[in-house]
Amino acid sequence: MTFHARRVTLPAITPLCLQKRVIKVYDENNTSKAVEVPTDVTARDVCQLFVLKNHCIDDHSWTLIDHLTQLGIERTIEDHEDVMDVVSGSGMDTDSRLYFRKNYAKYEFFKKPL
């Protein structure tokens, strides 16, 4: 068998930016939806996706909130943050949930500065 007659197959390597993961996002009434998103998705992209899926009015006040249930604290995820960094940073032993909520004070500082 010659070198040209042999066919070498390599496993298909998907770049990290094209891989997808499933995240679970809770609504204000504790119902959850699982969505498949790319690994480089930002919080603003997830909010836009849920605005379209839920037929909400897009007034730029929707936000994702990272809620640590064991500690009882929550943090607003900024629009430019990668959601996968937040989800993977919380660890497997902590019970962390993502909530999709309105936050009217999100851009209030920029509308009415001190």
N, C-alpha and C. Protein backbone atom coordinates (compact mmCIF):
# COMPACT_ATOMS: atom_id res chain seq x y z
N MET A 1 0.85 -1.17 0.00
CA MET A 1 0.00 0.00 0.00
C MET A 1 0.90 1.24 0.00
N THR A 2 0.64 2.12 -0.89
CA THR A 2 1.46 3.33 -0.98
C THR A 2 0.95 4.39 -0.03
N PHE A 3 1.75 5.43 0.13
CA PHE A 3 1.41 6.52 1.02
C PHE A 3 0.15 7.23 0.55
N HIS A 4 -0.02 7.39 -0.77
CA HIS A 4 -1.17 8.11 -1.31
C HIS A 4 -2.44 7.27 -1.28
N ALA A 5 -2.30 5.95 -1.20
CA ALA A 5 -3.46 5.08 -1.19
C ALA A 5 -4.10 5.01 0.19
N ARG A 6 -3.30 5.25 1.22
CA ARG A 6 -3.84 5.21 2.58
C ARG A 6 -4.58 6.51 2.90
N ARG A 7 -5.66 6.34 3.56
CA ARG A 7 -6.43 7.52 3.95
C ARG A 7 -6.39 7.63 5.47
N VAL A 8 -5.88 8.71 5.91
CA VAL A 8 -5.78 8.93 7.34
C VAL A 8 -6.94 9.84 7.74
N THR A 9 -7.71 9.38 8.70
CA THR A 9 -8.82 10.21 9.17
C THR A 9 -8.50 10.70 10.57
N LEU A 10 -8.64 11.96 10.76
CA LEU A 10 -8.44 12.57 12.06
C LEU A 10 -9.78 12.93 12.65
N PRO A 11 -9.90 12.89 13.96
CA PRO A 11 -11.18 13.28 14.55
C PRO A 11 -11.47 14.75 14.25
N ALA A 12 -12.71 15.03 14.04
CA ALA A 12 -13.11 16.40 13.77
C ALA A 12 -12.97 17.22 15.05
N ILE A 13 -12.20 18.26 14.96
CA ILE A 13 -11.98 19.12 16.12
C ILE A 13 -12.81 20.38 15.93
N THR A 14 -13.73 20.58 16.85
CA THR A 14 -14.59 21.76 16.80
C THR A 14 -13.92 22.87 17.58
N PRO A 15 -13.76 24.04 16.99
CA PRO A 15 -13.18 25.15 17.74
C PRO A 15 -14.05 25.48 18.96
N LEU A 16 -13.42 26.01 20.00
CA LEU A 16 -14.14 26.32 21.23
C LEU A 16 -15.28 27.30 21.01
N CYS A 17 -15.12 28.23 20.07
CA CYS A 17 -16.17 29.23 19.87
C CYS A 17 -17.40 28.63 19.20
N LEU A 18 -17.28 27.44 18.59
CA LEU A 18 -18.42 26.83 17.92
C LEU A 18 -19.09 25.76 18.77
N GLN A 19 -18.48 25.39 19.88
CA GLN A 19 -19.10 24.39 20.74
C GLN A 19 -20.30 24.99 21.44
N LYS A 20 -21.26 24.14 21.78
CA LYS A 20 -22.47 24.61 22.45
C LYS A 20 -22.65 23.86 23.76
N ARG A 21 -23.30 24.54 24.70
CA ARG A 21 -23.61 23.95 25.99
C ARG A 21 -25.05 24.29 26.35
N VAL A 22 -25.60 23.51 27.24
CA VAL A 22 -26.96 23.73 27.68
C VAL A 22 -26.92 24.40 29.05
N ILE A 23 -27.67 25.50 29.17
CA ILE A 23 -27.79 26.17 30.46
C ILE A 23 -29.27 26.22 30.83
N LYS A 24 -29.52 26.25 32.12
CA LYS A 24 -30.89 26.33 32.62
C LYS A 24 -31.09 27.71 33.22
N VAL A 25 -32.10 28.41 32.75
CA VAL A 25 -32.38 29.76 33.21
C VAL A 25 -33.79 29.78 33.81
N TYR A 26 -33.90 30.35 35.01
CA TYR A 26 -35.18 30.41 35.72
C TYR A 26 -35.84 31.75 35.48
N ASP A 27 -37.16 31.72 35.48
CA ASP A 27 -37.97 32.92 35.32
C ASP A 27 -38.32 33.46 36.71
N GLU A 28 -39.04 34.58 36.75
CA GLU A 28 -39.43 35.16 38.04
C GLU A 28 -40.36 34.26 38.84
N ASN A 29 -41.10 33.41 38.18
CA ASN A 29 -42.03 32.51 38.88
C ASN A 29 -41.43 31.11 39.07
N ASN A 30 -40.09 31.00 39.04
CA ASN A 30 -39.33 29.78 39.27
C ASN A 30 -39.56 28.67 38.24
N THR A 31 -40.10 28.99 37.08
CA THR A 31 -40.13 28.01 36.00
C THR A 31 -38.81 28.13 35.25
N SER A 32 -38.32 27.02 34.76
CA SER A 32 -37.02 27.04 34.11
C SER A 32 -37.13 26.62 32.65
N LYS A 33 -36.19 27.11 31.88
CA LYS A 33 -36.05 26.72 30.48
C LYS A 33 -34.60 26.39 30.24
N ALA A 34 -34.36 25.30 29.55
CA ALA A 34 -33.00 24.92 29.18
C ALA A 34 -32.78 25.33 27.73
N VAL A 35 -31.71 26.04 27.49
CA VAL A 35 -31.38 26.50 26.15
C VAL A 35 -29.94 26.10 25.82
N GLU A 36 -29.72 25.83 24.55
CA GLU A 36 -28.39 25.51 24.07
C GLU A 36 -27.77 26.77 23.50
N VAL A 37 -26.62 27.16 24.04
CA VAL A 37 -25.97 28.39 23.64
C VAL A 37 -24.50 28.11 23.34
N PRO A 38 -23.87 28.94 22.50
CA PRO A 38 -22.43 28.79 22.26
C PRO A 38 -21.64 29.09 23.53
N THR A 39 -20.42 28.59 23.61
CA THR A 39 -19.62 28.79 24.81
C THR A 39 -19.15 30.23 24.98
N ASP A 40 -19.17 31.02 23.93
CA ASP A 40 -18.72 32.41 24.04
C ASP A 40 -19.88 33.40 24.12
N VAL A 41 -21.03 32.96 24.59
CA VAL A 41 -22.21 33.81 24.64
C VAL A 41 -22.11 34.79 25.81
N THR A 42 -22.56 36.01 25.60
CA THR A 42 -22.57 37.01 26.66
C THR A 42 -23.95 37.05 27.32
N ALA A 43 -24.01 37.73 28.45
CA ALA A 43 -25.28 37.85 29.18
C ALA A 43 -26.31 38.61 28.34
N ARG A 44 -25.88 39.61 27.60
CA ARG A 44 -26.80 40.37 26.75
C ARG A 44 -27.40 39.49 25.66
N ASP A 45 -26.60 38.59 25.10
CA ASP A 45 -27.10 37.66 24.07
C ASP A 45 -28.16 36.73 24.63
N VAL A 46 -27.94 36.23 25.85
CA VAL A 46 -28.92 35.33 26.48
C VAL A 46 -30.20 36.10 26.77
N CYS A 47 -30.07 37.34 27.23
CA CYS A 47 -31.26 38.16 27.49
C CYS A 47 -32.05 38.40 26.20
N GLN A 48 -31.36 38.70 25.12
CA GLN A 48 -32.03 38.90 23.83
C GLN A 48 -32.75 37.62 23.39
N LEU A 49 -32.11 36.49 23.61
CA LEU A 49 -32.72 35.21 23.24
C LEU A 49 -34.01 34.98 24.03
N PHE A 50 -34.00 35.26 25.32
CA PHE A 50 -35.19 35.06 26.14
C PHE A 50 -36.26 36.11 25.86
N VAL A 51 -35.88 37.32 25.49
CA VAL A 51 -36.86 38.33 25.10
C VAL A 51 -37.61 37.86 23.85
N LEU A 52 -36.88 37.29 22.89
CA LEU A 52 -37.53 36.80 21.67
C LEU A 52 -38.37 35.56 21.94
N LYS A 53 -37.85 34.63 22.75
CA LYS A 53 -38.59 33.39 23.04
C LYS A 53 -39.86 33.64 23.84
N ASN A 54 -39.80 34.58 24.79
CA ASN A 54 -40.93 34.83 25.67
C ASN A 54 -41.84 35.95 25.18
N HIS A 55 -41.53 36.51 24.02
CA HIS A 55 -42.33 37.61 23.43
C HIS A 55 -42.46 38.78 24.40
N CYS A 56 -41.34 39.17 24.99
CA CYS A 56 -41.31 40.29 25.93
C CYS A 56 -40.98 41.58 25.18
N ILE A 57 -41.27 42.69 25.82
CA ILE A 57 -40.90 43.99 25.26
C ILE A 57 -39.44 44.23 25.58
N ASP A 58 -38.66 44.54 24.55
CA ASP A 58 -37.23 44.76 24.75
C ASP A 58 -36.97 46.22 25.08
N ASP A 59 -36.95 46.53 26.37
CA ASP A 59 -36.67 47.90 26.80
C ASP A 59 -35.29 48.00 27.46
N HIS A 60 -34.41 47.05 27.20
CA HIS A 60 -33.02 47.01 27.67
C HIS A 60 -32.91 46.96 29.18
N SER A 61 -33.96 46.58 29.87
CA SER A 61 -33.88 46.46 31.32
C SER A 61 -33.83 44.99 31.77
N TRP A 62 -33.82 44.06 30.84
CA TRP A 62 -33.73 42.64 31.19
C TRP A 62 -32.29 42.31 31.53
N THR A 63 -32.12 41.44 32.51
CA THR A 63 -30.78 41.07 32.95
C THR A 63 -30.74 39.63 33.43
N LEU A 64 -29.55 39.07 33.48
CA LEU A 64 -29.33 37.76 34.07
C LEU A 64 -28.77 37.96 35.47
N ILE A 65 -29.25 37.16 36.39
CA ILE A 65 -28.82 37.26 37.78
C ILE A 65 -28.29 35.89 38.21
N ASP A 66 -27.11 35.90 38.78
CA ASP A 66 -26.50 34.69 39.33
C ASP A 66 -26.89 34.62 40.80
N HIS A 67 -27.66 33.59 41.16
CA HIS A 67 -28.18 33.45 42.52
C HIS A 67 -27.53 32.24 43.18
N LEU A 68 -26.80 32.47 44.25
CA LEU A 68 -26.20 31.38 45.04
C LEU A 68 -27.17 31.04 46.17
N THR A 69 -27.88 29.93 46.02
CA THR A 69 -28.97 29.62 46.94
C THR A 69 -28.48 29.26 48.34
N GLN A 70 -27.34 28.59 48.47
CA GLN A 70 -26.86 28.21 49.79
C GLN A 70 -26.44 29.42 50.61
N LEU A 71 -25.89 30.43 49.94
CA LEU A 71 -25.45 31.63 50.65
C LEU A 71 -26.54 32.69 50.73
N GLY A 72 -27.53 32.58 49.86
CA GLY A 72 -28.62 33.53 49.85
C GLY A 72 -28.25 34.88 49.26
N ILE A 73 -27.27 34.89 48.36
CA ILE A 73 -26.87 36.15 47.72
C ILE A 73 -27.06 36.03 46.21
N GLU A 74 -27.20 37.18 45.59
CA GLU A 74 -27.32 37.19 44.12
C GLU A 74 -26.53 38.36 43.57
N ARG A 75 -26.14 38.21 42.31
CA ARG A 75 -25.32 39.21 41.65
C ARG A 75 -25.84 39.39 40.23
N THR A 76 -25.94 40.64 39.81
CA THR A 76 -26.35 40.93 38.44
C THR A 76 -25.16 40.69 37.53
N ILE A 77 -25.37 39.87 36.50
CA ILE A 77 -24.31 39.62 35.53
C ILE A 77 -24.34 40.76 34.51
N GLU A 78 -23.20 41.39 34.31
CA GLU A 78 -23.13 42.51 33.39
C GLU A 78 -23.27 42.03 31.95
N ASP A 79 -23.73 42.92 31.09
CA ASP A 79 -24.04 42.56 29.70
C ASP A 79 -22.84 41.97 28.94
N HIS A 80 -21.65 42.42 29.23
CA HIS A 80 -20.48 41.98 28.47
C HIS A 80 -19.85 40.71 29.01
N GLU A 81 -20.30 40.22 30.15
CA GLU A 81 -19.69 39.03 30.77
C GLU A 81 -20.08 37.76 30.03
N ASP A 82 -19.13 36.83 29.95
CA ASP A 82 -19.41 35.52 29.37
C ASP A 82 -20.19 34.68 30.37
N VAL A 83 -21.30 34.13 29.94
CA VAL A 83 -22.16 33.35 30.83
C VAL A 83 -21.47 32.05 31.25
N MET A 84 -20.71 31.45 30.35
CA MET A 84 -20.04 30.19 30.69
C MET A 84 -18.96 30.39 31.75
N ASP A 85 -18.33 31.56 31.78
CA ASP A 85 -17.36 31.84 32.84
C ASP A 85 -18.04 31.91 34.19
N VAL A 86 -19.22 32.49 34.23
CA VAL A 86 -19.98 32.61 35.48
C VAL A 86 -20.46 31.23 35.93
N VAL A 87 -20.99 30.45 35.00
CA VAL A 87 -21.53 29.12 35.33
C VAL A 87 -20.41 28.18 35.76
N SER A 88 -19.29 28.18 35.05
CA SER A 88 -18.21 27.27 35.39
C SER A 88 -17.41 27.76 36.61
N GLY A 89 -17.46 29.03 36.90
CA GLY A 89 -16.73 29.56 38.05
C GLY A 89 -17.36 29.28 39.38
N SER A 90 -18.64 28.93 39.39
CA SER A 90 -19.31 28.70 40.67
C SER A 90 -19.00 27.32 41.25
N GLY A 91 -18.53 26.39 40.46
CA GLY A 91 -18.15 25.07 40.98
C GLY A 91 -19.32 24.10 41.01
N MET A 92 -18.99 22.84 41.16
CA MET A 92 -20.02 21.80 41.14
C MET A 92 -20.72 21.65 42.49
N ASP A 93 -20.04 21.97 43.59
CA ASP A 93 -20.63 21.74 44.91
C ASP A 93 -21.58 22.85 45.34
N THR A 94 -21.57 23.98 44.65
CA THR A 94 -22.47 25.08 45.01
C THR A 94 -23.73 25.01 44.16
N ASP A 95 -24.84 25.37 44.75
CA ASP A 95 -26.11 25.38 44.04
C ASP A 95 -26.32 26.80 43.52
N SER A 96 -26.05 26.99 42.24
CA SER A 96 -26.14 28.31 41.62
C SER A 96 -27.22 28.27 40.54
N ARG A 97 -28.02 29.31 40.48
CA ARG A 97 -29.07 29.41 39.47
C ARG A 97 -28.95 30.72 38.72
N LEU A 98 -29.31 30.67 37.44
CA LEU A 98 -29.39 31.88 36.63
C LEU A 98 -30.85 32.29 36.53
N TYR A 99 -31.14 33.55 36.82
CA TYR A 99 -32.50 34.08 36.71
C TYR A 99 -32.56 35.14 35.62
N PHE A 100 -33.66 35.17 34.90
CA PHE A 100 -33.94 36.17 33.88
C PHE A 100 -34.98 37.12 34.45
N ARG A 101 -34.55 38.35 34.78
CA ARG A 101 -35.43 39.30 35.43
C ARG A 101 -35.25 40.70 34.86
N LYS A 102 -36.21 41.56 35.20
CA LYS A 102 -36.10 42.97 34.86
C LYS A 102 -35.33 43.68 35.97
N ASN A 103 -34.50 44.60 35.56
CA ASN A 103 -33.76 45.44 36.50
C ASN A 103 -33.84 46.86 35.96
N TYR A 104 -34.79 47.63 36.47
CA TYR A 104 -35.03 48.97 35.95
C TYR A 104 -33.88 49.92 36.25
N ALA A 105 -33.09 49.64 37.27
CA ALA A 105 -31.97 50.51 37.64
C ALA A 105 -30.69 50.18 36.87
N LYS A 106 -30.79 49.30 35.90
CA LYS A 106 -29.61 48.82 35.18
C LYS A 106 -28.83 49.95 34.52
N TYR A 107 -29.49 50.83 33.79
CA TYR A 107 -28.82 51.93 33.11
C TYR A 107 -29.24 53.29 33.67
N GLU A 108 -29.78 53.30 34.88
CA GLU A 108 -30.29 54.55 35.46
C GLU A 108 -29.17 55.56 35.68
N PHE A 109 -27.99 55.09 36.05
CA PHE A 109 -26.87 56.00 36.28
C PHE A 109 -26.49 56.75 35.00
N PHE A 110 -26.59 56.05 33.86
CA PHE A 110 -26.20 56.68 32.61
C PHE A 110 -27.28 57.64 32.09
N LYS A 111 -28.52 57.39 32.48
CA LYS A 111 -29.60 58.30 32.07
C LYS A 111 -29.63 59.55 32.93
N LYS A 112 -29.38 59.38 34.23
CA LYS A 112 -29.39 60.52 35.17
C LYS A 112 -28.12 60.49 36.02
N PRO A 113 -27.00 60.95 35.48
CA PRO A 113 -25.77 60.94 36.29
C PRO A 113 -25.85 61.94 37.43
N LEU A 114 -25.03 61.72 38.44
CA LEU A 114 -25.03 62.58 39.63
C LEU A 114 -24.61 63.98 39.33
